[in-house]
Amino acid sequence: MQLEAITWQRMAERLAGHLDDDAADDGASGANRASGGNAWDGGDGGGSRSWRRVGIDGAPAAGTGVLAAELADALRRRGRSVLVVAAGGFLRPASLRFEFGREDVDSYLDGWYDTAALWREVFGPTDPGGTGRVLPDLWDPATDRATRNPYAELPSGGVLIAHGPLLLGHWFPFDLSVHISLSPGALARRTEESARWTIPAFARYEAETDPAARADALVRADDPRHPAWTGLRPGPAG
């Protein structure tokens, strides 16, 4: 596998450009079918609503929020509306997360993140014809209470960026996905002591889900100051 050295900022610009090109292609196709539409409403004259959904996947130690923020900035400079959603805002209550103990790897993989809520509150509203009314977070693990934050209205043509761990194992409908990978040594070094029990969970995730193969782009970030990536490549996402 060939990797290209790159900065997070340049990577974000490349991803933003890809999303622009993708939207323009959709708009051109739609214009051939119906008049009046534009590239970011699906080219259908306003009859349906269209959003782009990006997934940035990686262990907490990989710092997915860095690329998410850089990509959001790059898209906003291009005039796009953007909403960033962290998977960490959709943890399940502690009574469910810790039902089988506080360091249960199976529970972490399958029961810590409220995937049903993500489908309902984040991906469903950004399906074609959806409302664009997205809940940015649901649960605060520090207080173990609902956040009660208001819904965000993402305009038609906007971009949803979801980031966090284990995102590519649930068939979420990403139009573009990136997996940030760490070597086992880097994962161990950069994972907080209190969370090192999760390291076997990420080894299983790599073995069972193969996020590196599923993603449209793979980033290696053992040294976060000097990431390298494959560039965008054809392949399934989600």
C-alpha atoms as a PDB file:
ATOM      1  CA  MET A   1       0.000   0.000   0.000  1.00  0.00           C
ATOM      2  CA  GLN A   2       1.433   3.369  -1.052  1.00  0.00           C
ATOM      3  CA  LEU A   3       0.991   6.311   1.293  1.00  0.00           C
ATOM      4  CA  GLU A   4       1.512   9.986   0.521  1.00  0.00           C
ATOM      5  CA  ALA A   5       2.748  12.392   3.178  1.00  0.00           C
ATOM      6  CA  ILE A   6       0.252  15.216   3.627  1.00  0.00           C
ATOM      7  CA  THR A   7      -0.937  17.774   6.166  1.00  0.00           C
ATOM      8  CA  TRP A   8      -4.370  17.667   7.745  1.00  0.00           C
ATOM      9  CA  GLN A   9      -5.198  20.986   6.044  1.00  0.00           C
ATOM     10  CA  ARG A  10      -4.268  19.749   2.566  1.00  0.00           C
ATOM     11  CA  MET A  11      -6.132  16.519   3.176  1.00  0.00           C
ATOM     12  CA  ALA A  12      -9.243  18.475   4.137  1.00  0.00           C
ATOM     13  CA  GLU A  13      -8.983  20.600   0.998  1.00  0.00           C
ATOM     14  CA  ARG A  14      -8.697  17.486  -1.154  1.00  0.00           C
ATOM     15  CA  LEU A  15     -11.750  15.945   0.493  1.00  0.00           C
ATOM     16  CA  ALA A  16     -13.736  19.183   0.186  1.00  0.00           C
ATOM     17  CA  GLY A  17     -12.829  19.421  -3.491  1.00  0.00           C
ATOM     18  CA  HIS A  18     -13.986  15.858  -4.033  1.00  0.00           C
ATOM     19  CA  LEU A  19     -17.335  16.652  -2.409  1.00  0.00           C
ATOM     20  CA  ASP A  20     -17.695  19.738  -4.607  1.00  0.00           C
ATOM     21  CA  ASP A  21     -16.927  17.725  -7.738  1.00  0.00           C
ATOM     22  CA  ASP A  22     -19.326  14.991  -6.668  1.00  0.00           C
ATOM     23  CA  ALA A  23     -22.108  17.505  -6.101  1.00  0.00           C
ATOM     24  CA  ALA A  24     -21.431  19.189  -9.428  1.00  0.00           C
ATOM     25  CA  ASP A  25     -21.659  15.832 -11.206  1.00  0.00           C
ATOM     26  CA  ASP A  26     -24.989  15.132  -9.495  1.00  0.00           C
ATOM     27  CA  GLY A  27     -26.238  18.574 -10.423  1.00  0.00           C
ATOM     28  CA  ALA A  28     -25.255  18.156 -14.057  1.00  0.00           C
ATOM     29  CA  SER A  29     -27.057  14.809 -14.195  1.00  0.00           C
ATOM     30  CA  GLY A  30     -30.126  16.312 -12.574  1.00  0.00           C
ATOM     31  CA  ALA A  31     -30.125  19.244 -14.977  1.00  0.00           C
ATOM     32  CA  ASN A  32     -30.439  16.800 -17.862  1.00  0.00           C
ATOM     33  CA  ARG A  33     -33.537  15.354 -16.221  1.00  0.00           C
ATOM     34  CA  ALA A  34     -35.296  18.488 -15.029  1.00  0.00           C
ATOM     35  CA  SER A  35     -34.765  22.222 -15.273  1.00  0.00           C
ATOM     36  CA  GLY A  36     -34.299  24.601 -12.378  1.00  0.00           C
ATOM     37  CA  GLY A  37     -32.245  22.528  -9.932  1.00  0.00           C
ATOM     38  CA  ASN A  38     -28.731  23.228  -8.735  1.00  0.00           C
ATOM     39  CA  ALA A  39     -25.794  21.022  -7.873  1.00  0.00           C
ATOM     40  CA  TRP A  40     -26.494  21.004  -4.162  1.00  0.00           C
ATOM     41  CA  ASP A  41     -30.235  20.255  -4.179  1.00  0.00           C
ATOM     42  CA  GLY A  42     -29.942  17.166  -6.354  1.00  0.00           C
ATOM     43  CA  GLY A  43     -30.716  19.018  -9.578  1.00  0.00           C
ATOM     44  CA  ASP A  44     -34.422  18.277  -9.281  1.00  0.00           C
ATOM     45  CA  GLY A  45     -35.838  21.779  -9.101  1.00  0.00           C
ATOM     46  CA  GLY A  46     -36.320  21.577  -5.341  1.00  0.00           C
ATOM     47  CA  GLY A  47     -38.613  18.558  -5.323  1.00  0.00           C
ATOM     48  CA  SER A  48     -36.339  16.626  -2.971  1.00  0.00           C
ATOM     49  CA  ARG A  49     -33.602  17.563  -0.540  1.00  0.00           C
ATOM     50  CA  SER A  50     -30.062  16.329  -0.764  1.00  0.00           C
ATOM     51  CA  TRP A  51     -27.188  16.210   1.718  1.00  0.00           C
ATOM     52  CA  ARG A  52     -23.705  14.749   1.676  1.00  0.00           C
ATOM     53  CA  ARG A  53     -22.615  12.560   4.594  1.00  0.00           C
ATOM     54  CA  VAL A  54     -18.977  12.046   5.527  1.00  0.00           C
ATOM     55  CA  GLY A  55     -17.670   9.550   8.083  1.00  0.00           C
ATOM     56  CA  ILE A  56     -14.280   9.978   9.740  1.00  0.00           C
ATOM     57  CA  ASP A  57     -13.580   6.750  11.592  1.00  0.00           C
ATOM     58  CA  GLY A  58     -10.878   5.980  14.130  1.00  0.00           C
ATOM     59  CA  ALA A  59     -10.125   5.154  17.740  1.00  0.00           C
ATOM     60  CA  PRO A  60     -10.345   8.059  20.220  1.00  0.00           C
ATOM     61  CA  ALA A  61      -6.540   8.154  20.245  1.00  0.00           C
ATOM     62  CA  ALA A  62      -6.571   8.825  16.484  1.00  0.00           C
ATOM     63  CA  GLY A  63      -8.116  12.254  17.015  1.00  0.00           C
ATOM     64  CA  THR A  64     -10.841  12.085  14.361  1.00  0.00           C
ATOM     65  CA  GLY A  65     -12.137  15.462  15.507  1.00  0.00           C
ATOM     66  CA  VAL A  66      -9.042  17.184  14.086  1.00  0.00           C
ATOM     67  CA  LEU A  67      -9.769  16.155  10.505  1.00  0.00           C
ATOM     68  CA  ALA A  68     -13.500  16.727  11.025  1.00  0.00           C
ATOM     69  CA  ALA A  69     -12.840  20.324  12.074  1.00  0.00           C
ATOM     70  CA  GLU A  70     -10.387  20.935   9.220  1.00  0.00           C
ATOM     71  CA  LEU A  71     -12.849  19.532   6.681  1.00  0.00           C
ATOM     72  CA  ALA A  72     -15.699  21.609   8.118  1.00  0.00           C
ATOM     73  CA  ASP A  73     -13.571  24.758   7.767  1.00  0.00           C
ATOM     74  CA  ALA A  74     -12.586  23.879   4.195  1.00  0.00           C
ATOM     75  CA  LEU A  75     -16.210  23.318   3.204  1.00  0.00           C
ATOM     76  CA  ARG A  76     -17.406  26.529   4.850  1.00  0.00           C
ATOM     77  CA  ARG A  77     -14.783  28.482   2.920  1.00  0.00           C
ATOM     78  CA  ARG A  78     -16.423  27.040  -0.200  1.00  0.00           C
ATOM     79  CA  GLY A  79     -19.791  28.330   0.943  1.00  0.00           C
ATOM     80  CA  ARG A  80     -21.177  25.017   2.209  1.00  0.00           C
ATOM     81  CA  SER A  81     -23.286  24.584   5.300  1.00  0.00           C
ATOM     82  CA  VAL A  82     -21.735  21.965   7.592  1.00  0.00           C
ATOM     83  CA  LEU A  83     -22.747  20.127  10.747  1.00  0.00           C
ATOM     84  CA  VAL A  84     -20.188  18.075  12.694  1.00  0.00           C
ATOM     85  CA  VAL A  85     -21.536  15.260  14.861  1.00  0.00           C
ATOM     86  CA  ALA A  86     -19.311  13.295  17.247  1.00  0.00           C
ATOM     87  CA  ALA A  87     -20.186   9.665  17.924  1.00  0.00           C
ATOM     88  CA  GLY A  88     -19.211  10.361  21.543  1.00  0.00           C
ATOM     89  CA  GLY A  89     -22.370  12.422  21.875  1.00  0.00           C
ATOM     90  CA  PHE A  90     -24.430   9.287  21.241  1.00  0.00           C
ATOM     91  CA  LEU A  91     -23.185   7.039  24.020  1.00  0.00           C
ATOM     92  CA  ARG A  92     -25.817   4.969  25.780  1.00  0.00           C
ATOM     93  CA  PRO A  93     -26.537   5.516  29.503  1.00  0.00           C
ATOM     94  CA  ALA A  94     -24.004   4.126  31.976  1.00  0.00           C
ATOM     95  CA  SER A  95     -26.496   1.540  33.237  1.00  0.00           C
ATOM     96  CA  LEU A  96     -26.442  -0.032  29.762  1.00  0.00           C
ATOM     97  CA  ARG A  97     -22.773   0.546  28.936  1.00  0.00           C
ATOM     98  CA  PHE A  98     -21.615  -1.038  32.209  1.00  0.00           C
ATOM     99  CA  GLU A  99     -24.231  -3.763  32.449  1.00  0.00           C
ATOM    100  CA  PHE A 100     -21.533  -6.444  32.100  1.00  0.00           C
ATOM    101  CA  GLY A 101     -18.755  -4.497  33.820  1.00  0.00           C
ATOM    102  CA  ARG A 102     -16.872  -1.303  33.180  1.00  0.00           C
ATOM    103  CA  GLU A 103     -14.210  -2.944  31.016  1.00  0.00           C
ATOM    104  CA  ASP A 104     -16.172  -5.435  28.927  1.00  0.00           C
ATOM    105  CA  VAL A 105     -14.799  -5.488  25.381  1.00  0.00           C
ATOM    106  CA  ASP A 106     -17.928  -7.066  23.869  1.00  0.00           C
ATOM    107  CA  SER A 107     -20.092  -4.344  25.380  1.00  0.00           C
ATOM    108  CA  TYR A 108     -17.782  -1.637  24.099  1.00  0.00           C
ATOM    109  CA  LEU A 109     -17.995  -2.986  20.564  1.00  0.00           C
ATOM    110  CA  ASP A 110     -21.723  -3.642  20.476  1.00  0.00           C
ATOM    111  CA  GLY A 111     -23.411  -1.690  23.238  1.00  0.00           C
ATOM    112  CA  TRP A 112     -21.673   1.566  24.104  1.00  0.00           C
ATOM    113  CA  TYR A 113     -22.783   3.656  21.133  1.00  0.00           C
ATOM    114  CA  ASP A 114     -26.463   4.241  20.454  1.00  0.00           C
ATOM    115  CA  THR A 115     -26.476   3.320  16.779  1.00  0.00           C
ATOM    116  CA  ALA A 116     -30.283   3.290  16.647  1.00  0.00           C
ATOM    117  CA  ALA A 117     -30.322   6.928  17.770  1.00  0.00           C
ATOM    118  CA  LEU A 118     -27.687   7.810  15.183  1.00  0.00           C
ATOM    119  CA  TRP A 119     -29.834   6.272  12.456  1.00  0.00           C
ATOM    120  CA  ARG A 120     -32.965   7.985  13.747  1.00  0.00           C
ATOM    121  CA  GLU A 121     -31.631  11.430  14.666  1.00  0.00           C
ATOM    122  CA  VAL A 122     -28.680  11.929  12.300  1.00  0.00           C
ATOM    123  CA  PHE A 123     -28.835   9.759   9.193  1.00  0.00           C
ATOM    124  CA  GLY A 124     -32.600   9.475   8.747  1.00  0.00           C
ATOM    125  CA  PRO A 125     -33.138  13.251   8.562  1.00  0.00           C
ATOM    126  CA  THR A 126     -30.405  13.509   5.915  1.00  0.00           C
ATOM    127  CA  ASP A 127     -31.792  10.766   3.701  1.00  0.00           C
ATOM    128  CA  PRO A 128     -33.161  11.959   0.332  1.00  0.00           C
ATOM    129  CA  GLY A 129     -36.412  13.748   1.022  1.00  0.00           C
ATOM    130  CA  GLY A 130     -35.558  14.134   4.721  1.00  0.00           C
ATOM    131  CA  THR A 131     -36.031  17.186   6.867  1.00  0.00           C
ATOM    132  CA  GLY A 132     -32.387  18.074   7.551  1.00  0.00           C
ATOM    133  CA  ARG A 133     -33.329  18.459  11.220  1.00  0.00           C
ATOM    134  CA  VAL A 134     -30.438  16.743  12.991  1.00  0.00           C
ATOM    135  CA  LEU A 135     -29.832  16.171  16.696  1.00  0.00           C
ATOM    136  CA  PRO A 136     -26.149  17.062  17.238  1.00  0.00           C
ATOM    137  CA  ASP A 137     -25.826  14.999  20.437  1.00  0.00           C
ATOM    138  CA  LEU A 138     -27.986  12.974  22.775  1.00  0.00           C
ATOM    139  CA  TRP A 139     -26.155  11.929  25.932  1.00  0.00           C
ATOM    140  CA  ASP A 140     -23.511  13.502  28.165  1.00  0.00           C
ATOM    141  CA  PRO A 141     -21.334  10.720  29.639  1.00  0.00           C
ATOM    142  CA  ALA A 142     -19.926  13.075  32.286  1.00  0.00           C
ATOM    143  CA  THR A 143     -23.335  13.746  33.845  1.00  0.00           C
ATOM    144  CA  ASP A 144     -24.973  10.559  32.525  1.00  0.00           C
ATOM    145  CA  ARG A 145     -27.943  12.632  31.446  1.00  0.00           C
ATOM    146  CA  ALA A 146     -29.532  13.673  28.179  1.00  0.00           C
ATOM    147  CA  THR A 147     -27.876  16.773  26.755  1.00  0.00           C
ATOM    148  CA  ARG A 148     -31.220  18.305  25.719  1.00  0.00           C
ATOM    149  CA  ASN A 149     -29.516  20.409  23.078  1.00  0.00           C
ATOM    150  CA  PRO A 150     -31.800  21.736  20.328  1.00  0.00           C
ATOM    151  CA  TYR A 151     -31.992  20.228  16.867  1.00  0.00           C
ATOM    152  CA  ALA A 152     -29.830  21.789  14.162  1.00  0.00           C
ATOM    153  CA  GLU A 153     -31.298  22.602  10.763  1.00  0.00           C
ATOM    154  CA  LEU A 154     -28.876  21.551   8.037  1.00  0.00           C
ATOM    155  CA  PRO A 155     -29.955  23.212   4.788  1.00  0.00           C
ATOM    156  CA  SER A 156     -30.429  21.204   1.628  1.00  0.00           C
ATOM    157  CA  GLY A 157     -27.040  20.769   0.001  1.00  0.00           C
ATOM    158  CA  GLY A 158     -25.241  20.863   3.344  1.00  0.00           C
ATOM    159  CA  VAL A 159     -22.661  18.385   4.559  1.00  0.00           C
ATOM    160  CA  LEU A 160     -22.925  16.215   7.639  1.00  0.00           C
ATOM    161  CA  ILE A 161     -19.577  15.094   9.099  1.00  0.00           C
ATOM    162  CA  ALA A 162     -19.788  12.261  11.628  1.00  0.00           C
ATOM    163  CA  HIS A 163     -16.603  11.256  13.407  1.00  0.00           C
ATOM    164  CA  GLY A 164     -15.525   8.822  16.082  1.00  0.00           C
ATOM    165  CA  PRO A 165     -14.832   5.138  16.691  1.00  0.00           C
ATOM    166  CA  LEU A 166     -16.398   2.039  15.149  1.00  0.00           C
ATOM    167  CA  LEU A 167     -18.367   3.967  12.513  1.00  0.00           C
ATOM    168  CA  LEU A 168     -17.658   1.666   9.578  1.00  0.00           C
ATOM    169  CA  GLY A 169     -19.162  -1.443  11.137  1.00  0.00           C
ATOM    170  CA  HIS A 170     -22.826  -0.380  10.988  1.00  0.00           C
ATOM    171  CA  TRP A 171     -23.420   0.329   7.282  1.00  0.00           C
ATOM    172  CA  PHE A 172     -24.091   3.982   7.931  1.00  0.00           C
ATOM    173  CA  PRO A 173     -24.895   5.669   4.586  1.00  0.00           C
ATOM    174  CA  PHE A 174     -21.701   7.652   4.069  1.00  0.00           C
ATOM    175  CA  ASP A 175     -21.077   9.273   0.706  1.00  0.00           C
ATOM    176  CA  LEU A 176     -17.423   9.562   1.665  1.00  0.00           C
ATOM    177  CA  SER A 177     -15.512   7.764   4.418  1.00  0.00           C
ATOM    178  CA  VAL A 178     -12.043   8.080   5.904  1.00  0.00           C
ATOM    179  CA  HIS A 179     -10.407   5.679   8.337  1.00  0.00           C
ATOM    180  CA  ILE A 180      -7.589   7.025  10.523  1.00  0.00           C
ATOM    181  CA  SER A 181      -5.360   4.112  11.448  1.00  0.00           C
ATOM    182  CA  LEU A 182      -2.790   3.727  14.204  1.00  0.00           C
ATOM    183  CA  SER A 183      -0.258   0.935  14.485  1.00  0.00           C
ATOM    184  CA  PRO A 184      -0.680  -1.229  17.609  1.00  0.00           C
ATOM    185  CA  GLY A 185       2.277   0.527  19.234  1.00  0.00           C
ATOM    186  CA  ALA A 186       0.948   4.014  18.476  1.00  0.00           C
ATOM    187  CA  LEU A 187      -2.521   3.040  19.673  1.00  0.00           C
ATOM    188  CA  ALA A 188      -1.067   1.814  22.971  1.00  0.00           C
ATOM    189  CA  ARG A 189       1.078   4.938  23.423  1.00  0.00           C
ATOM    190  CA  ARG A 190      -1.684   7.399  22.628  1.00  0.00           C
ATOM    191  CA  THR A 191      -4.576   5.747  24.464  1.00  0.00           C
ATOM    192  CA  GLU A 192      -5.179   7.128  27.939  1.00  0.00           C
ATOM    193  CA  GLU A 193      -4.322   4.732  30.753  1.00  0.00           C
ATOM    194  CA  SER A 194      -7.942   4.508  31.888  1.00  0.00           C
ATOM    195  CA  ALA A 195      -9.039   3.464  28.383  1.00  0.00           C
ATOM    196  CA  ARG A 196      -6.329   0.931  27.527  1.00  0.00           C
ATOM    197  CA  TRP A 197      -8.734  -1.909  28.164  1.00  0.00           C
ATOM    198  CA  THR A 198     -10.430  -0.870  24.880  1.00  0.00           C
ATOM    199  CA  ILE A 199      -7.337  -1.692  22.800  1.00  0.00           C
ATOM    200  CA  PRO A 200      -8.415  -5.333  22.194  1.00  0.00           C
ATOM    201  CA  ALA A 201     -11.765  -3.985  20.958  1.00  0.00           C
ATOM    202  CA  PHE A 202     -10.006  -2.043  18.217  1.00  0.00           C
ATOM    203  CA  ALA A 203      -7.919  -5.070  17.296  1.00  0.00           C
ATOM    204  CA  ARG A 204     -11.154  -7.014  16.842  1.00  0.00           C
ATOM    205  CA  TYR A 205     -12.729  -4.159  14.896  1.00  0.00           C
ATOM    206  CA  GLU A 206      -9.766  -4.144  12.509  1.00  0.00           C
ATOM    207  CA  ALA A 207      -9.917  -7.926  12.074  1.00  0.00           C
ATOM    208  CA  GLU A 208     -13.691  -8.316  11.774  1.00  0.00           C
ATOM    209  CA  THR A 209     -14.709  -5.115   9.968  1.00  0.00           C
ATOM    210  CA  ASP A 210     -11.537  -4.214   8.033  1.00  0.00           C
ATOM    211  CA  PRO A 211     -12.221  -0.469   8.078  1.00  0.00           C
ATOM    212  CA  ALA A 212      -9.039   0.215   6.111  1.00  0.00           C
ATOM    213  CA  ALA A 213     -10.515  -1.639   3.133  1.00  0.00           C
ATOM    214  CA  ARG A 214     -14.020  -0.243   3.551  1.00  0.00           C
ATOM    215  CA  ALA A 215     -13.021   3.414   3.676  1.00  0.00           C
ATOM    216  CA  ASP A 216     -12.645   5.609   0.610  1.00  0.00           C
ATOM    217  CA  ALA A 217      -9.377   6.891   2.066  1.00  0.00           C
ATOM    218  CA  LEU A 218      -6.986   5.457   4.623  1.00  0.00           C
ATOM    219  CA  VAL A 219      -4.867   7.737   6.813  1.00  0.00           C
ATOM    220  CA  ARG A 220      -1.928   6.535   8.891  1.00  0.00           C
ATOM    221  CA  ALA A 221      -1.399   8.892  11.830  1.00  0.00           C
ATOM    222  CA  ASP A 222       1.118   7.226  14.135  1.00  0.00           C
ATOM    223  CA  ASP A 223       2.697  10.675  14.408  1.00  0.00           C
ATOM    224  CA  PRO A 224      -0.222  13.130  14.344  1.00  0.00           C
ATOM    225  CA  ARG A 225       2.118  15.889  13.158  1.00  0.00           C
ATOM    226  CA  HIS A 226       2.980  13.936  10.015  1.00  0.00           C
ATOM    227  CA  PRO A 227      -0.014  12.011   8.665  1.00  0.00           C
ATOM    228  CA  ALA A 228       0.120  10.064   5.424  1.00  0.00           C
ATOM    229  CA  TRP A 229      -2.748   8.751   3.338  1.00  0.00           C
ATOM    230  CA  THR A 230      -3.703   6.684   0.327  1.00  0.00           C
ATOM    231  CA  GLY A 231      -5.592   9.507  -1.303  1.00  0.00           C
ATOM    232  CA  LEU A 232      -9.169   8.885  -2.404  1.00  0.00           C
ATOM    233  CA  ARG A 233      -9.661   5.511  -3.975  1.00  0.00           C
ATOM    234  CA  PRO A 234     -12.628   3.638  -5.430  1.00  0.00           C
ATOM    235  CA  GLY A 235     -14.371   1.243  -3.097  1.00  0.00           C
ATOM    236  CA  PRO A 236     -17.381   0.740  -0.843  1.00  0.00           C
ATOM    237  CA  ALA A 237     -18.123   3.145   1.975  1.00  0.00           C
ATOM    238  CA  GLY A 238     -20.099   2.824   5.201  1.00  0.00           C
END
